[in-house]
Amino acid sequence: MTYQDFYHVWCKTAPLSEAGVRVLKEMVEDDNEMKSAFGAELQFGTAGIRGIMGLGTNRLNDFTVRRTAQGLAAWLTSTELPQKCAIGYDSRHHSRRFAEICAVALAEKGVKVYVYHELAPTPMLSYAVRQLGCGCGIVVSASHNAGAYNGIKCYGPDGCQMTDEPAAIVYDKISKIPYFVMPNSNFEECLADGSVELIAPEMWENYYQTVLAERIAQEPSDNLNLLYTPLCGTGNKPVREVLGRIGVNIDIVKVQEEPDGDFKTCEYPNPETDAALNESYKIARSTHPDLILGTDPDCDRVAVAIPDGDGFRKLSGNELGCLLLDYILGELSAQGKLPKEPVAVRSIVSTPLADKIAAKYGVKMKAVLTGFKYIGGEILALEENHEEYRFVFGFEESCGYLKGTYARDKDAVVASMLTCDLAAKLKREGMNLAQKMDALYAELGYHEAKVISIELKGPNAMEMSAKFMADFRANVPNELCGIAVTTFTDYASRITRDMVTGEESAVTLPKSNVVTLVLGDKGSVIVRPSGTEPKVKLYLTAVDLDQNCAKNRLADIAEAMNDFVPKN
């Protein structure tokens, strides 16, 4: 069917309100909007579905949400997993309603459903899946995307986001379900008959106690003055509660304190970007906090900045990950609590500086594919051998961190606690996080890193992304900016090639649409398409004992890679 065919089917058969009918009629005058809304169907993958909210097969709406939940229910009921599902949701527009739609769709298929009674962070959903013994879980969230977006993230029984195999089955189930299979009951009726149950408030306190148990500091952090922003999301309650219990003095960014699906003061609430903290910087210029900390709308990512002269130095996700890793390993070693054969995990796109930090403490760093589910998978493998205690820390460069095994997704609450404890410790020693990071660089070498996100626009954006990856594989460069490419790895074919000898070896990680170029000991380039958006992402690293040399080399690598960037 063409996009016009899908459009006309919806016009004739979709049970729409008067407002919805008007929206579809207006598309007759805007073919690009019609093609954008109906030119594809939302794809279900390991990160679930994500898209702009609105009417259409390529939009997130009541019909695509219900269809997704029906597909998840069809998968779950075909397994021997517990026939239970936990659901959480964030502060975005329609998140609560989408959560209720999912709950009804699952309950109709005989699945017992537990729903948080108020908006809650993504890691709290991962925690609830495990605590309630569920076969799956759902978070209604688009993470750090702009306010026009929302999504359905699906979790397995281990509290991890779905892996490839079950996700493929769910997608197949979804594709066989009509768009307009309407419910036989509503959310209130499901609550009344007990098929849906609100998660007891005690779950919050249990979660707080579990997070606090991961603390390694031995004294209060009451010397730290913090400016915090939840970026209008779910972190406001849990982050402030946990940090308050360890003594942190907290000032809040008032205009970003309450939930706001429009994110009016932060159009793109992504902690990876410096702009996400602009409102915080305005306040900090007069309040002079020791530390600025922000969490994204579903509170699984965290970013920090430190006052630096007349401005602020925002640490990258890699830098905060390295600081936390060094802090955790150093404190556990000093306290004699570092487990035997400890395991630390990072994603392949995260900085190799972490490997050097881990080696300082005799810890081997394991690199896994991008996506925190792979870090969660390493915890699960340890758990199956009754060795989960060996896991000490996991992180990815996109500001995601986890200490502990209570959740299997990144958790900004525990990361905020650890960050504040470290900052308080350093303050007592006359240092701050930025100075500590510089000390690590001076000790282990400067690892300058940059992520370039190329946004591809238009209805053929995903096809453009696929073509770029295919073209890049077919034209692997032998050198970049005068530096020889020593190793090429294609995680799709699961082959590593020595570019000097031509010798090939097998990659042990799962298949993934990622390629890596290693530039000897001078840096690396990793290329991958985004799993949730029409983007191609380039992860660039330059390494040198001299900071200026590392920075200049990074700029040269970025310029060289510009020749490969797809043009819209």
Protein backbone atom coordinates (compact mmCIF):
# COMPACT_ATOMS: atom_id res chain seq x y z
CA MET A 1 0.00 0.00 0.00
CA THR A 2 1.15 3.55 -0.74
CA TYR A 3 1.05 6.30 1.81
CA GLN A 4 -2.04 7.66 0.05
CA ASP A 5 -3.70 4.25 0.44
CA PHE A 6 -2.94 4.17 4.17
CA TYR A 7 -4.23 7.70 4.47
CA HIS A 8 -7.55 6.90 2.81
CA VAL A 9 -8.00 3.76 4.93
CA TRP A 10 -7.62 5.85 8.07
CA CYS A 11 -10.01 8.49 6.73
CA LYS A 12 -12.66 5.83 6.14
CA THR A 13 -12.22 3.48 9.09
CA ALA A 14 -10.35 5.16 11.97
CA PRO A 15 -12.71 5.90 14.92
CA LEU A 16 -11.62 9.52 15.26
CA SER A 17 -12.87 12.52 17.18
CA GLU A 18 -13.96 15.63 15.29
CA ALA A 19 -10.55 17.13 15.92
CA GLY A 20 -8.88 14.03 14.51
CA VAL A 21 -11.02 14.14 11.40
CA ARG A 22 -10.00 17.77 10.86
CA VAL A 23 -6.31 16.86 11.19
CA LEU A 24 -6.60 14.23 8.47
CA LYS A 25 -8.55 16.55 6.18
CA GLU A 26 -5.82 19.18 6.46
CA MET A 27 -3.26 16.66 5.17
CA VAL A 28 -4.94 16.80 1.75
CA GLU A 29 -3.33 20.23 1.37
CA ASP A 30 0.11 19.07 2.56
CA ASP A 31 1.45 16.03 0.71
CA ASN A 32 4.75 16.10 2.58
CA GLU A 33 2.95 15.86 5.92
CA MET A 34 0.76 13.05 4.57
CA LYS A 35 3.82 11.14 3.39
CA SER A 36 5.63 11.76 6.66
CA ALA A 37 2.64 10.50 8.68
CA PHE A 38 1.71 7.55 6.47
CA GLY A 39 4.81 6.81 4.39
CA ALA A 40 6.03 4.15 6.82
CA GLU A 41 5.02 2.25 9.94
CA LEU A 42 6.73 2.76 13.27
CA GLN A 43 9.38 0.08 13.62
CA PHE A 44 9.52 -2.01 16.80
CA GLY A 45 13.04 -2.90 17.91
CA THR A 46 15.04 -3.53 21.04
CA ALA A 47 14.26 0.04 22.15
CA GLY A 48 10.53 -0.44 21.42
CA ILE A 49 8.94 2.26 19.29
CA ARG A 50 9.51 6.00 19.30
CA GLY A 51 8.13 8.75 17.14
CA ILE A 52 6.42 12.10 16.81
CA MET A 53 2.96 12.14 18.36
CA GLY A 54 0.11 12.57 15.91
CA LEU A 55 -2.17 10.69 13.55
CA GLY A 56 -0.74 8.21 11.08
CA THR A 57 0.98 4.86 10.80
CA ASN A 58 4.35 6.56 11.31
CA ARG A 59 3.22 8.50 14.36
CA LEU A 60 2.65 7.66 18.01
CA ASN A 61 -1.07 7.75 18.80
CA ASP A 62 -3.73 5.73 20.59
CA PHE A 63 -3.93 3.23 17.73
CA THR A 64 -0.20 2.60 17.25
CA VAL A 65 0.29 2.42 21.03
CA ARG A 66 -2.55 -0.08 21.52
CA ARG A 67 -1.31 -2.14 18.57
CA THR A 68 2.17 -2.27 20.10
CA ALA A 69 0.81 -3.36 23.49
CA GLN A 70 -1.33 -6.02 21.80
CA GLY A 71 1.77 -7.35 20.04
CA LEU A 72 3.66 -7.44 23.33
CA ALA A 73 0.75 -9.30 24.93
CA ALA A 74 0.66 -11.81 22.06
CA TRP A 75 4.35 -12.51 22.59
CA LEU A 76 4.12 -12.77 26.39
CA THR A 77 1.13 -15.12 26.34
CA SER A 78 2.97 -17.42 23.93
CA THR A 79 5.80 -17.89 26.44
CA GLU A 80 6.16 -19.60 29.80
CA LEU A 81 7.21 -16.34 31.42
CA PRO A 82 5.15 -14.92 34.29
CA GLN A 83 1.98 -13.46 32.83
CA LYS A 84 2.56 -10.12 34.51
CA CYS A 85 3.62 -6.70 33.24
CA ALA A 86 4.76 -3.54 35.06
CA ILE A 87 4.21 -0.14 33.45
CA GLY A 88 5.75 3.26 34.14
CA TYR A 89 5.54 6.58 32.36
CA ASP A 90 7.23 9.98 32.25
CA SER A 91 6.15 13.62 32.05
CA ARG A 92 5.51 13.85 28.33
CA HIS A 93 2.18 14.71 26.78
CA HIS A 94 -0.16 11.69 26.68
CA SER A 95 2.26 9.46 28.62
CA ARG A 96 -0.29 8.62 31.31
CA ARG A 97 -3.00 7.92 28.73
CA PHE A 98 -0.68 5.76 26.65
CA ALA A 99 0.24 3.83 29.82
CA GLU A 100 -3.45 3.19 30.50
CA ILE A 101 -4.04 2.10 26.89
CA CYS A 102 -1.18 -0.40 27.21
CA ALA A 103 -2.51 -1.65 30.54
CA VAL A 104 -5.98 -2.35 29.12
CA ALA A 105 -4.59 -4.07 26.01
CA LEU A 106 -2.48 -6.43 28.14
CA ALA A 107 -5.21 -7.05 30.73
CA GLU A 108 -7.64 -8.05 27.98
CA LYS A 109 -5.27 -10.89 27.08
CA GLY A 110 -5.15 -12.20 30.64
CA VAL A 111 -1.93 -10.47 31.69
CA LYS A 112 -1.85 -9.08 35.22
CA VAL A 113 -0.76 -5.45 34.98
CA TYR A 114 0.89 -3.19 37.57
CA VAL A 115 1.01 0.55 36.87
CA TYR A 116 2.89 3.21 38.81
CA HIS A 117 0.35 5.55 40.42
CA GLU A 118 2.37 8.59 39.34
CA LEU A 119 5.14 9.33 36.88
CA ALA A 120 8.34 7.48 37.75
CA PRO A 121 11.90 7.18 36.35
CA THR A 122 12.76 4.49 33.84
CA PRO A 123 15.13 2.70 36.29
CA MET A 124 12.25 2.40 38.76
CA LEU A 125 10.32 0.46 36.11
CA SER A 126 13.29 -1.86 35.59
CA TYR A 127 13.41 -2.31 39.37
CA ALA A 128 9.64 -3.00 39.56
CA VAL A 129 9.78 -5.66 36.84
CA ARG A 130 12.21 -7.65 38.96
CA GLN A 131 10.56 -6.95 42.31
CA LEU A 132 7.09 -7.94 41.08
CA GLY A 133 8.31 -10.99 39.16
CA CYS A 134 6.97 -9.78 35.82
CA GLY A 135 7.47 -11.35 32.43
CA CYS A 136 7.82 -7.94 30.80
CA GLY A 137 7.62 -4.21 31.41
CA ILE A 138 6.79 -0.98 29.61
CA VAL A 139 7.99 2.59 30.01
CA VAL A 140 6.10 5.29 28.13
CA SER A 141 8.88 7.74 27.34
CA ALA A 142 10.94 9.24 24.54
CA SER A 143 13.87 9.68 26.92
CA HIS A 144 15.69 12.91 26.00
CA ASN A 145 13.94 13.64 22.68
CA ALA A 146 12.15 16.93 22.04
CA GLY A 147 8.61 17.39 23.32
CA ALA A 148 6.96 16.36 20.05
CA TYR A 149 8.14 12.78 20.63
CA ASN A 150 7.01 9.91 22.80
CA GLY A 151 7.72 6.21 22.84
CA ILE A 152 7.02 2.75 24.22
CA LYS A 153 10.12 1.07 25.66
CA CYS A 154 9.70 -2.63 26.40
CA TYR A 155 11.55 -4.71 28.97
CA GLY A 156 12.10 -8.41 29.51
CA PRO A 157 11.78 -10.39 32.75
CA ASP A 158 15.34 -9.50 33.78
CA GLY A 159 14.55 -5.78 33.78
CA CYS A 160 16.61 -5.16 30.63
CA GLN A 161 15.28 -3.61 27.48
CA MET A 162 14.31 -6.34 25.06
CA THR A 163 17.04 -8.12 23.14
CA ASP A 164 16.92 -8.85 19.41
CA GLU A 165 15.18 -12.23 19.46
CA PRO A 166 12.07 -11.39 21.52
CA ALA A 167 11.88 -7.94 19.90
CA ALA A 168 11.73 -9.56 16.46
CA ILE A 169 8.91 -11.83 17.62
CA VAL A 170 6.97 -8.90 19.08
CA TYR A 171 7.41 -6.96 15.84
CA ASP A 172 6.07 -9.91 13.86
CA LYS A 173 3.07 -10.13 16.19
CA ILE A 174 2.42 -6.39 15.84
CA SER A 175 2.51 -6.53 12.04
CA LYS A 176 -0.39 -9.00 12.03
CA ILE A 177 -2.68 -6.88 14.20
CA PRO A 178 -5.16 -4.42 12.61
CA TYR A 179 -4.89 -0.81 13.70
CA PHE A 180 -8.44 -0.39 14.86
CA VAL A 181 -9.17 -3.30 17.22
CA MET A 182 -10.88 -1.33 19.94
CA PRO A 183 -10.90 -2.25 23.66
CA ASN A 184 -13.85 -3.90 25.39
CA SER A 185 -13.22 -2.10 28.68
CA ASN A 186 -11.48 0.97 30.04
CA PHE A 187 -8.74 1.55 32.59
CA GLU A 188 -11.07 2.27 35.50
CA GLU A 189 -13.00 -0.94 34.84
CA CYS A 190 -9.76 -2.94 34.79
CA LEU A 191 -8.77 -1.38 38.11
CA ALA A 192 -12.16 -2.30 39.53
CA ASP A 193 -11.99 -5.95 38.45
CA GLY A 194 -8.38 -6.32 39.64
CA SER A 195 -6.82 -7.13 36.26
CA VAL A 196 -4.87 -3.88 36.61
CA GLU A 197 -3.38 -2.78 39.92
CA LEU A 198 -1.58 0.39 40.94
CA ILE A 199 1.93 -0.21 42.25
CA ALA A 200 1.98 0.33 46.00
CA PRO A 201 3.78 3.49 47.25
CA GLU A 202 6.02 1.19 49.30
CA MET A 203 7.86 0.40 46.07
CA TRP A 204 9.29 3.93 46.15
CA GLU A 205 10.74 3.51 49.63
CA ASN A 206 12.12 0.07 48.76
CA TYR A 207 13.81 1.61 45.75
CA TYR A 208 15.29 4.44 47.82
CA GLN A 209 16.72 2.01 50.34
CA THR A 210 18.17 -0.11 47.55
CA VAL A 211 19.86 2.87 45.91
CA LEU A 212 21.23 4.13 49.24
CA ALA A 213 22.71 0.67 49.87
CA GLU A 214 24.98 1.28 46.86
CA ARG A 215 26.60 4.22 48.62
CA ILE A 216 30.32 3.84 49.39
CA ALA A 217 30.95 7.19 51.12
CA GLN A 218 31.38 6.86 54.87
CA GLU A 219 30.26 10.33 55.90
CA PRO A 220 27.47 12.76 54.93
CA SER A 221 27.87 14.98 51.89
CA ASP A 222 26.49 17.98 53.77
CA ASN A 223 29.36 20.22 52.66
CA LEU A 224 28.18 20.16 49.03
CA ASN A 225 26.01 22.95 47.57
CA LEU A 226 24.17 21.63 44.53
CA LEU A 227 22.03 23.26 41.85
CA TYR A 228 19.74 20.60 40.39
CA THR A 229 17.38 20.50 37.42
CA PRO A 230 15.10 17.56 36.58
CA LEU A 231 14.50 19.17 33.16
CA CYS A 232 10.74 19.07 33.75
CA GLY A 233 10.85 15.30 34.13
CA THR A 234 10.61 12.40 36.56
CA GLY A 235 13.80 12.99 38.53
CA ASN A 236 12.46 15.76 40.75
CA LYS A 237 11.05 13.51 43.47
CA PRO A 238 13.54 10.59 43.67
CA VAL A 239 16.77 12.50 43.07
CA ARG A 240 15.95 15.16 45.65
CA GLU A 241 14.82 12.51 48.14
CA VAL A 242 18.01 10.44 47.87
CA LEU A 243 20.35 13.43 47.80
CA GLY A 244 18.53 14.95 50.74
CA ARG A 245 19.07 11.79 52.77
CA ILE A 246 22.85 11.94 52.26
CA GLY A 247 22.93 15.58 53.36
CA VAL A 248 23.41 17.46 50.07
CA ASN A 249 22.27 21.10 50.15
CA ILE A 250 19.98 21.34 47.12
CA ASP A 251 18.80 24.38 45.20
CA ILE A 252 16.35 23.70 42.39
CA VAL A 253 15.91 25.29 38.96
CA LYS A 254 12.33 26.40 39.59
CA VAL A 255 11.25 26.82 35.96
CA GLN A 256 12.21 23.18 35.31
CA GLU A 257 11.00 21.70 38.60
CA GLU A 258 7.49 20.61 37.61
CA PRO A 259 6.55 18.17 34.83
CA ASP A 260 6.12 19.90 31.47
CA GLY A 261 5.68 17.94 28.27
CA ASP A 262 6.47 21.04 26.21
CA PHE A 263 9.89 21.49 27.85
CA LYS A 264 9.39 25.21 27.27
CA THR A 265 12.67 26.26 28.90
CA CYS A 266 14.67 23.41 27.36
CA GLU A 267 13.56 22.54 23.84
CA TYR A 268 15.87 19.51 23.61
CA PRO A 269 16.18 18.04 27.14
CA ASN A 270 19.23 15.94 26.45
CA PRO A 271 21.91 16.01 29.19
CA GLU A 272 24.54 15.27 26.56
CA THR A 273 24.14 18.82 25.23
CA ASP A 274 25.45 21.92 26.95
CA ALA A 275 22.24 23.78 26.09
CA ALA A 276 20.26 21.47 28.39
CA LEU A 277 21.82 23.29 31.35
CA ASN A 278 21.37 26.86 30.09
CA GLU A 279 18.72 27.73 32.69
CA SER A 280 20.96 26.28 35.38
CA TYR A 281 23.85 28.47 34.26
CA LYS A 282 21.69 31.59 34.58
CA ILE A 283 20.95 30.80 38.22
CA ALA A 284 24.45 29.57 39.06
CA ARG A 285 26.00 32.90 38.09
CA SER A 286 24.38 34.44 41.16
CA THR A 287 24.14 31.47 43.57
CA HIS A 288 27.64 30.04 42.96
CA PRO A 289 26.98 26.32 43.66
CA ASP A 290 29.77 23.77 43.92
CA LEU A 291 28.12 21.62 41.29
CA ILE A 292 25.32 21.74 38.69
CA LEU A 293 23.48 18.49 38.02
CA GLY A 294 20.69 17.69 35.57
CA THR A 295 18.72 14.54 34.78
CA ASP A 296 16.77 13.88 31.60
CA PRO A 297 12.95 13.55 31.52
CA ASP A 298 12.85 9.82 32.33
CA CYS A 299 15.77 10.15 34.76
CA ASP A 300 18.06 7.50 33.36
CA ARG A 301 20.79 9.94 32.25
CA VAL A 302 22.65 12.56 34.25
CA ALA A 303 25.03 15.38 33.39
CA VAL A 304 27.12 17.72 35.53
CA ALA A 305 28.89 21.04 35.18
CA ILE A 306 31.34 22.84 37.44
CA PRO A 307 31.79 26.61 37.82
CA ASP A 308 35.00 27.52 36.01
CA GLY A 309 36.10 31.15 36.24
CA ASP A 310 33.42 33.30 34.62
CA GLY A 311 31.82 30.29 32.96
CA PHE A 312 31.12 26.61 33.45
CA ARG A 313 32.80 23.39 32.41
CA LYS A 314 30.34 20.69 31.52
CA LEU A 315 31.81 17.21 31.78
CA SER A 316 31.13 14.78 28.97
CA GLY A 317 29.41 11.48 29.58
CA ASN A 318 32.77 9.79 29.11
CA GLU A 319 34.43 12.05 31.66
CA LEU A 320 31.81 11.53 34.36
CA GLY A 321 31.90 7.79 33.68
CA CYS A 322 35.67 7.74 34.18
CA LEU A 323 35.43 9.80 37.36
CA LEU A 324 32.80 7.52 38.85
CA LEU A 325 34.74 4.41 37.83
CA ASP A 326 37.93 5.72 39.44
CA TYR A 327 35.99 6.77 42.57
CA ILE A 328 34.21 3.44 42.98
CA LEU A 329 37.28 1.29 42.38
CA GLY A 330 39.48 3.51 44.51
CA GLU A 331 37.09 3.60 47.48
CA LEU A 332 36.28 -0.11 47.34
CA SER A 333 39.99 -0.92 47.18
CA ALA A 334 40.78 1.38 50.10
CA GLN A 335 37.97 -0.14 52.16
CA GLY A 336 38.99 -3.69 51.26
CA LYS A 337 35.61 -4.26 49.62
CA LEU A 338 36.61 -4.73 45.99
CA PRO A 339 35.23 -8.16 45.06
CA LYS A 340 37.38 -10.96 43.70
CA GLU A 341 37.60 -10.83 39.91
CA PRO A 342 35.54 -7.61 39.65
CA VAL A 343 33.72 -6.81 36.42
CA ALA A 344 33.33 -3.33 34.93
CA VAL A 345 31.52 -2.82 31.64
CA ARG A 346 31.39 -0.04 29.06
CA SER A 347 29.85 0.27 25.62
CA ILE A 348 32.18 0.01 22.62
CA VAL A 349 31.57 3.68 21.78
CA SER A 350 32.67 4.82 25.25
CA THR A 351 36.20 6.03 25.95
CA PRO A 352 39.09 3.56 26.18
CA LEU A 353 40.44 5.76 28.97
CA ALA A 354 38.13 3.71 31.20
CA ASP A 355 40.18 0.61 30.37
CA LYS A 356 43.31 2.30 31.70
CA ILE A 357 41.54 3.36 34.90
CA ALA A 358 40.24 -0.16 35.46
CA ALA A 359 43.72 -1.59 34.85
CA LYS A 360 45.11 0.64 37.64
CA TYR A 361 43.04 -1.39 40.10
CA GLY A 362 43.57 -4.76 38.47
CA VAL A 363 40.09 -4.74 36.98
CA LYS A 364 39.43 -5.86 33.43
CA MET A 365 37.03 -3.66 31.50
CA LYS A 366 34.61 -5.47 29.23
CA ALA A 367 33.32 -3.67 26.12
CA VAL A 368 29.84 -4.49 24.83
CA LEU A 369 27.60 -3.25 22.04
CA THR A 370 25.86 0.10 22.36
CA GLY A 371 22.68 -0.07 24.41
CA PHE A 372 22.45 -0.51 28.14
CA LYS A 373 20.66 -3.82 27.68
CA TYR A 374 24.05 -5.31 26.80
CA ILE A 375 25.49 -4.08 30.09
CA GLY A 376 22.43 -5.57 31.77
CA GLY A 377 23.12 -8.78 29.88
CA GLU A 378 26.55 -8.99 31.45
CA ILE A 379 24.96 -8.65 34.89
CA LEU A 380 22.46 -11.39 34.01
CA ALA A 381 25.28 -13.72 32.93
CA LEU A 382 26.97 -13.15 36.28
CA GLU A 383 23.69 -13.65 38.11
CA GLU A 384 23.09 -16.99 36.42
CA ASN A 385 26.39 -18.13 37.95
CA HIS A 386 25.51 -16.58 41.32
CA GLU A 387 28.32 -14.07 40.82
CA GLU A 388 26.42 -10.80 40.36
CA TYR A 389 28.42 -9.39 43.29
CA ARG A 390 31.40 -9.13 40.91
CA PHE A 391 29.73 -6.33 38.93
CA VAL A 392 31.12 -2.99 40.13
CA PHE A 393 30.09 -0.43 37.51
CA GLY A 394 28.72 -0.03 34.00
CA PHE A 395 28.47 3.05 31.81
CA GLU A 396 27.98 4.40 28.32
CA GLU A 397 29.20 7.70 26.94
CA SER A 398 25.66 9.04 26.49
CA CYS A 399 25.50 9.92 30.21
CA GLY A 400 24.17 6.55 31.40
CA TYR A 401 25.56 4.85 34.54
CA LEU A 402 24.74 2.01 36.91
CA LYS A 403 26.22 0.73 40.13
CA GLY A 404 24.40 -2.26 41.60
CA THR A 405 22.30 -5.04 40.11
CA TYR A 406 18.84 -4.01 41.38
CA ALA A 407 18.02 -2.52 37.96
CA ARG A 408 19.20 -3.49 34.50
CA ASP A 409 19.03 -0.07 32.91
CA LYS A 410 21.01 3.10 33.50
CA ASP A 411 19.94 4.95 36.63
CA ALA A 412 20.43 8.68 37.09
CA VAL A 413 19.34 8.46 40.73
CA VAL A 414 22.20 6.25 41.88
CA ALA A 415 24.59 8.10 39.56
CA SER A 416 23.53 11.45 41.07
CA MET A 417 24.18 10.11 44.56
CA LEU A 418 27.63 8.79 43.68
CA THR A 419 28.52 11.99 41.84
CA CYS A 420 27.57 14.17 44.79
CA ASP A 421 29.48 11.95 47.22
CA LEU A 422 32.57 12.19 45.01
CA ALA A 423 32.19 15.96 44.63
CA ALA A 424 31.83 16.34 48.42
CA LYS A 425 34.93 14.21 49.01
CA LEU A 426 36.96 16.23 46.53
CA LYS A 427 35.75 19.50 48.07
CA ARG A 428 37.06 18.38 51.44
CA GLU A 429 40.41 17.76 49.70
CA GLY A 430 40.41 21.18 48.04
CA MET A 431 39.50 19.93 44.55
CA ASN A 432 36.50 19.68 42.24
CA LEU A 433 35.40 17.21 39.58
CA ALA A 434 37.05 19.13 36.74
CA GLN A 435 40.39 19.23 38.51
CA LYS A 436 40.17 15.52 39.27
CA MET A 437 39.42 14.79 35.61
CA ASP A 438 42.44 16.79 34.54
CA ALA A 439 44.57 14.79 36.98
CA LEU A 440 43.38 11.55 35.37
CA TYR A 441 44.23 12.92 31.92
CA ALA A 442 47.69 13.96 33.07
CA GLU A 443 48.26 10.51 34.54
CA LEU A 444 46.84 8.33 31.75
CA GLY A 445 46.85 10.47 28.63
CA TYR A 446 44.38 12.89 27.09
CA HIS A 447 41.47 11.17 25.38
CA GLU A 448 39.66 13.87 23.47
CA ALA A 449 36.30 12.65 22.21
CA LYS A 450 33.50 14.00 20.07
CA VAL A 451 30.17 12.64 18.89
CA ILE A 452 28.83 13.93 15.59
CA SER A 453 25.13 13.29 15.00
CA ILE A 454 24.01 13.70 11.42
CA GLU A 455 20.26 14.20 11.33
CA LEU A 456 18.67 12.88 8.15
CA LYS A 457 15.40 14.51 7.20
CA GLY A 458 12.45 13.55 5.03
CA PRO A 459 10.39 10.40 4.54
CA ASN A 460 13.40 8.50 3.15
CA ALA A 461 15.67 9.32 6.08
CA MET A 462 16.01 5.75 7.30
CA GLU A 463 16.86 4.57 3.77
CA MET A 464 19.53 7.28 3.55
CA SER A 465 21.00 6.03 6.82
CA ALA A 466 21.14 2.45 5.52
CA LYS A 467 22.77 3.59 2.27
CA PHE A 468 25.43 5.55 4.11
CA MET A 469 26.38 2.53 6.20
CA ALA A 470 26.57 0.33 3.08
CA ASP A 471 28.69 2.89 1.20
CA PHE A 472 31.06 3.33 4.13
CA ARG A 473 31.62 -0.42 4.39
CA ALA A 474 32.33 -0.59 0.67
CA ASN A 475 34.90 2.22 0.82
CA VAL A 476 36.88 1.72 4.01
CA PRO A 477 39.70 4.30 4.09
CA ASN A 478 43.29 3.17 4.57
CA GLU A 479 44.13 6.38 6.41
CA LEU A 480 42.49 9.44 7.96
CA CYS A 481 44.24 12.84 8.10
CA GLY A 482 47.56 11.13 7.49
CA ILE A 483 47.10 8.50 10.22
CA ALA A 484 47.03 4.88 9.10
CA VAL A 485 43.92 2.85 9.83
CA THR A 486 45.34 -0.22 11.55
CA THR A 487 42.17 -2.19 12.22
CA PHE A 488 38.70 -2.28 10.69
CA THR A 489 35.87 -4.04 12.49
CA ASP A 490 32.43 -4.68 11.04
CA TYR A 491 30.03 -5.83 13.73
CA ALA A 492 27.39 -6.68 11.11
CA SER A 493 29.59 -9.33 9.47
CA ARG A 494 31.35 -9.90 12.83
CA ILE A 495 34.79 -9.63 11.27
CA THR A 496 37.90 -7.70 12.34
CA ARG A 497 40.52 -7.04 9.65
CA ASP A 498 44.12 -6.09 10.25
CA MET A 499 44.58 -3.37 7.62
CA VAL A 500 48.34 -3.99 7.43
CA THR A 501 48.42 -7.78 7.03
CA GLY A 502 44.88 -8.32 5.76
CA GLU A 503 44.37 -11.02 8.37
CA GLU A 504 40.80 -11.40 9.57
CA SER A 505 39.43 -12.70 12.87
CA ALA A 506 35.95 -13.27 14.29
CA VAL A 507 34.14 -10.79 16.54
CA THR A 508 32.54 -12.47 19.55
CA LEU A 509 29.95 -9.77 20.24
CA PRO A 510 26.45 -10.10 18.74
CA LYS A 511 25.75 -8.85 15.23
CA SER A 512 25.16 -5.11 15.04
CA ASN A 513 25.13 -2.37 12.42
CA VAL A 514 28.38 -0.75 13.61
CA VAL A 515 31.82 -0.28 12.06
CA THR A 516 35.03 0.74 13.82
CA LEU A 517 38.31 2.15 12.53
CA VAL A 518 41.30 2.01 14.90
CA LEU A 519 44.10 4.50 14.25
CA GLY A 520 46.82 2.65 16.13
CA ASP A 521 47.34 4.25 19.53
CA LYS A 522 46.33 7.67 18.19
CA GLY A 523 42.55 7.31 18.19
CA SER A 524 39.51 5.67 16.66
CA VAL A 525 36.32 6.25 14.69
CA ILE A 526 33.08 4.38 15.30
CA VAL A 527 30.10 4.74 12.96
CA ARG A 528 26.56 3.58 13.67
CA PRO A 529 23.02 4.58 12.84
CA SER A 530 20.77 5.59 15.72
CA GLY A 531 18.41 2.82 16.79
CA THR A 532 15.51 5.19 17.48
CA GLU A 533 15.95 8.22 15.21
CA PRO A 534 16.91 8.96 11.58
CA LYS A 535 20.50 9.77 12.47
CA VAL A 536 23.99 8.54 11.76
CA LYS A 537 26.37 8.94 14.70
CA LEU A 538 30.14 9.24 14.50
CA TYR A 539 32.14 8.63 17.68
CA LEU A 540 35.60 10.14 17.34
CA THR A 541 38.51 9.73 19.77
CA ALA A 542 42.01 11.17 19.66
CA VAL A 543 44.71 10.14 22.16
CA ASP A 544 47.95 11.86 23.09
CA LEU A 545 50.04 12.64 26.15
CA ASP A 546 49.81 16.32 25.18
CA GLN A 547 46.34 17.88 25.43
CA ASN A 548 46.76 20.32 22.54
CA CYS A 549 48.01 17.54 20.27
CA ALA A 550 45.00 15.42 21.18
CA LYS A 551 42.60 18.32 20.51
CA ASN A 552 44.19 19.16 17.15
CA ARG A 553 44.16 15.53 16.11
CA LEU A 554 40.47 15.24 17.01
CA ALA A 555 39.71 18.26 14.82
CA ASP A 556 41.66 16.70 11.95
CA ILE A 557 39.80 13.39 12.29
CA ALA A 558 36.46 15.20 12.32
CA GLU A 559 37.38 17.13 9.17
CA ALA A 560 38.48 13.94 7.42
CA MET A 561 35.23 12.18 8.32
CA ASN A 562 33.23 15.07 6.89
CA ASP A 563 33.91 13.69 3.41
CA PHE A 564 31.90 10.60 4.30
CA VAL A 565 28.93 12.38 5.86
CA PRO A 566 25.66 11.85 3.96
CA LYS A 567 24.06 15.01 2.62
CA ASN A 568 20.32 15.58 2.95
